[in-house]
Amino acid sequence: TIFTYPLLFVFHMPSRISEPYIEIFEQPRQRGMRFRYKCEGRSAGSIPGEHSTDNNKTFPSIQVILLLSISYQCLYLHCAVAVLSLVQ
């Protein structure tokens, strides 16, 4: 006799307990870029980070933080988009 049982999978899934926030790891370098006219196009190059050197190039960086707790629930995937505006 063959018995078949339904398989039950229970996962520990994170649930959000705080609103997401941004942590800035590296700011853009002061005076690293200058104002550019539209006619100059997009060939302005990258934006260097404040700790960038000739031998070790770094770039502005952020991290999106979301504090989680563990609970039993369904899996939901969420994407985040960071929109940055560089102004002085």
Protein backbone atom coordinates (compact mmCIF):
# COMPACT_ATOMS: atom_id res chain seq x y z
CA THR A 1 0.00 0.00 0.00
CA ILE A 2 1.32 3.45 -0.92
CA PHE A 3 0.24 6.38 1.21
CA THR A 4 0.55 9.88 -0.15
CA TYR A 5 0.43 12.87 2.13
CA PRO A 6 0.34 16.51 1.13
CA LEU A 7 3.63 18.26 1.77
CA LEU A 8 3.46 21.22 4.07
CA PHE A 9 6.27 23.74 3.84
CA VAL A 10 6.48 26.38 6.52
CA PHE A 11 9.08 29.07 6.00
CA HIS A 12 10.45 31.68 8.33
CA MET A 13 9.85 34.81 6.32
CA PRO A 14 10.82 38.35 7.28
CA SER A 15 8.08 40.86 7.95
CA ARG A 16 8.68 44.60 7.94
CA ILE A 17 8.70 46.34 11.31
CA SER A 18 10.01 49.74 10.22
CA GLU A 19 9.82 52.09 7.29
CA PRO A 20 12.84 51.85 4.98
CA TYR A 21 15.46 54.56 5.23
CA ILE A 22 18.69 55.49 3.47
CA GLU A 23 22.16 55.35 5.03
CA ILE A 24 24.79 57.35 3.15
CA PHE A 25 28.19 55.63 3.13
CA GLU A 26 30.08 58.04 0.90
CA GLN A 27 29.19 61.54 -0.25
CA PRO A 28 30.21 62.98 -3.63
CA ARG A 29 33.59 64.73 -3.56
CA GLN A 30 33.37 68.49 -3.12
CA ARG A 31 34.23 70.29 -6.34
CA GLY A 32 34.54 66.92 -8.08
CA MET A 33 32.22 67.98 -10.88
CA ARG A 34 31.37 71.30 -12.43
CA PHE A 35 28.20 72.64 -14.00
CA ARG A 36 27.77 71.27 -17.51
CA TYR A 37 25.80 72.73 -20.39
CA LYS A 38 23.31 70.51 -22.22
CA CYS A 39 25.32 70.84 -25.45
CA GLU A 40 28.29 69.11 -23.75
CA GLY A 41 26.31 65.88 -23.72
CA ARG A 42 26.71 63.02 -21.28
CA SER A 43 30.48 62.71 -21.58
CA ALA A 44 31.04 64.40 -18.24
CA GLY A 45 32.37 61.20 -16.65
CA SER A 46 31.52 59.62 -13.33
CA ILE A 47 30.97 61.35 -10.00
CA PRO A 48 33.91 60.65 -7.66
CA GLY A 49 33.40 59.87 -3.99
CA GLU A 50 34.83 62.03 -1.21
CA HIS A 51 37.57 59.44 -0.47
CA SER A 52 38.54 58.94 -4.13
CA THR A 53 42.24 59.14 -5.05
CA ASP A 54 44.16 58.64 -8.30
CA ASN A 55 45.09 55.09 -7.20
CA ASN A 56 41.78 54.13 -5.57
CA LYS A 57 38.63 55.44 -7.21
CA THR A 58 35.54 55.47 -5.02
CA PHE A 59 32.01 56.61 -5.76
CA PRO A 60 29.07 57.99 -3.79
CA SER A 61 27.21 55.09 -2.19
CA ILE A 62 24.05 54.51 -0.19
CA GLN A 63 22.31 51.55 1.41
CA VAL A 64 18.57 51.08 1.80
CA ILE A 65 17.88 49.83 5.35
CA LEU A 66 14.76 47.90 6.25
CA LEU A 67 14.49 46.44 9.76
CA LEU A 68 12.83 43.04 9.79
CA SER A 69 11.38 40.56 12.24
CA ILE A 70 10.91 36.86 11.61
CA SER A 71 7.39 35.49 11.27
CA TYR A 72 5.50 32.80 9.40
CA GLN A 73 4.00 34.26 6.26
CA CYS A 74 3.98 34.20 2.49
CA LEU A 75 6.90 35.40 0.44
CA TYR A 76 6.54 38.81 -1.16
CA LEU A 77 9.33 40.37 -3.17
CA HIS A 78 9.62 44.14 -3.24
CA CYS A 79 11.89 46.28 -5.37
CA ALA A 80 13.25 49.66 -4.43
CA VAL A 81 14.25 52.52 -6.69
CA ALA A 82 16.45 55.34 -5.41
CA VAL A 83 16.01 58.64 -7.24
CA LEU A 84 18.91 60.99 -6.53
CA SER A 85 19.19 64.69 -7.17
CA LEU A 86 22.62 66.25 -6.78
CA VAL A 87 22.33 69.89 -5.80
CA GLN A 88 24.42 72.31 -3.80
